[in-house]
């Protein structure tokens, strides 16, 4: 009986699988970096709101009277 896949075919399939897995890993890392940037921007936005007095406790923070 003839073999359906020669060693060269199997090697090519393994290389394709390896490349696909590396690509998937790279995409996952990119998404993590994007989400970290989003979190940083949101935290910075809240920090600006606090700086301008839009958010924060009424009457300011205790112990910070000038």
Protein backbone atom coordinates (compact mmCIF):
# COMPACT_ATOMS: atom_id res chain seq x y z
CA UNK A 1 0.00 0.00 0.00
CA UNK A 2 1.25 3.47 -0.87
CA UNK A 3 1.93 5.93 1.92
CA UNK A 4 -0.32 8.98 1.72
CA UNK A 5 2.27 11.31 3.16
CA UNK A 6 5.96 11.18 2.49
CA UNK A 7 8.42 12.39 5.12
CA UNK A 8 8.76 15.64 3.13
CA UNK A 9 5.00 16.19 3.32
CA UNK A 10 4.96 15.50 7.04
CA UNK A 11 7.87 17.90 7.58
CA UNK A 12 6.06 20.61 5.61
CA UNK A 13 2.88 20.09 7.65
CA UNK A 14 4.85 20.32 10.90
CA UNK A 15 6.49 23.56 9.75
CA UNK A 16 3.06 25.01 8.92
CA UNK A 17 1.73 24.03 12.35
CA UNK A 18 4.77 25.57 14.04
CA UNK A 19 4.37 28.81 12.10
CA UNK A 20 0.66 28.94 12.96
CA UNK A 21 1.40 28.44 16.66
CA UNK A 22 4.08 31.15 16.63
CA UNK A 23 1.63 33.52 14.94
CA UNK A 24 -1.06 32.74 17.53
CA UNK A 25 1.41 33.42 20.34
CA UNK A 26 2.42 36.74 18.75
CA UNK A 27 -1.20 37.82 18.38
CA UNK A 28 -1.88 36.98 22.03
CA UNK A 29 1.10 39.05 23.15
CA UNK A 30 -0.06 41.98 21.01
CA UNK A 31 -3.53 41.82 22.59
CA UNK A 32 -2.01 41.81 26.06
CA UNK A 33 0.04 44.91 25.22
CA UNK A 34 -3.02 46.66 23.77
CA UNK A 35 -5.06 45.95 26.91
CA UNK A 36 -2.23 47.20 29.13
CA UNK A 37 -2.15 50.44 27.13
CA UNK A 38 -5.94 50.78 27.47
CA UNK A 39 -5.70 50.31 31.25
CA UNK A 40 -2.92 52.91 31.44
CA UNK A 41 -4.97 55.44 29.44
CA UNK A 42 -8.06 54.90 31.62
CA UNK A 43 -6.02 55.28 34.82
CA UNK A 44 -4.43 58.44 33.43
CA UNK A 45 -7.86 59.82 32.58
CA UNK A 46 -9.06 59.26 36.15
CA UNK A 47 -5.88 60.84 37.46
CA UNK A 48 -6.60 63.94 35.37
CA UNK A 49 -10.19 64.06 36.63
CA UNK A 50 -8.89 63.87 40.18
CA UNK A 51 -6.32 66.59 39.49
CA UNK A 52 -9.03 68.96 38.21
CA UNK A 53 -11.27 68.16 41.16
CA UNK A 54 -13.96 66.40 39.14
CA UNK A 55 -13.67 63.23 41.22
CA UNK A 56 -12.51 62.61 44.76
CA UNK A 57 -13.99 62.96 48.21
CA UNK A 58 -16.11 66.03 48.95
CA UNK A 59 -13.98 68.66 50.67
CA UNK A 60 -10.73 67.11 49.50
CA UNK A 61 -8.59 64.45 51.09
CA UNK A 62 -8.07 64.48 54.87
CA UNK A 63 -4.68 65.82 55.92
CA UNK A 64 -4.11 67.72 52.69
CA UNK A 65 -5.31 71.15 53.83
CA UNK A 66 -3.22 73.97 52.52
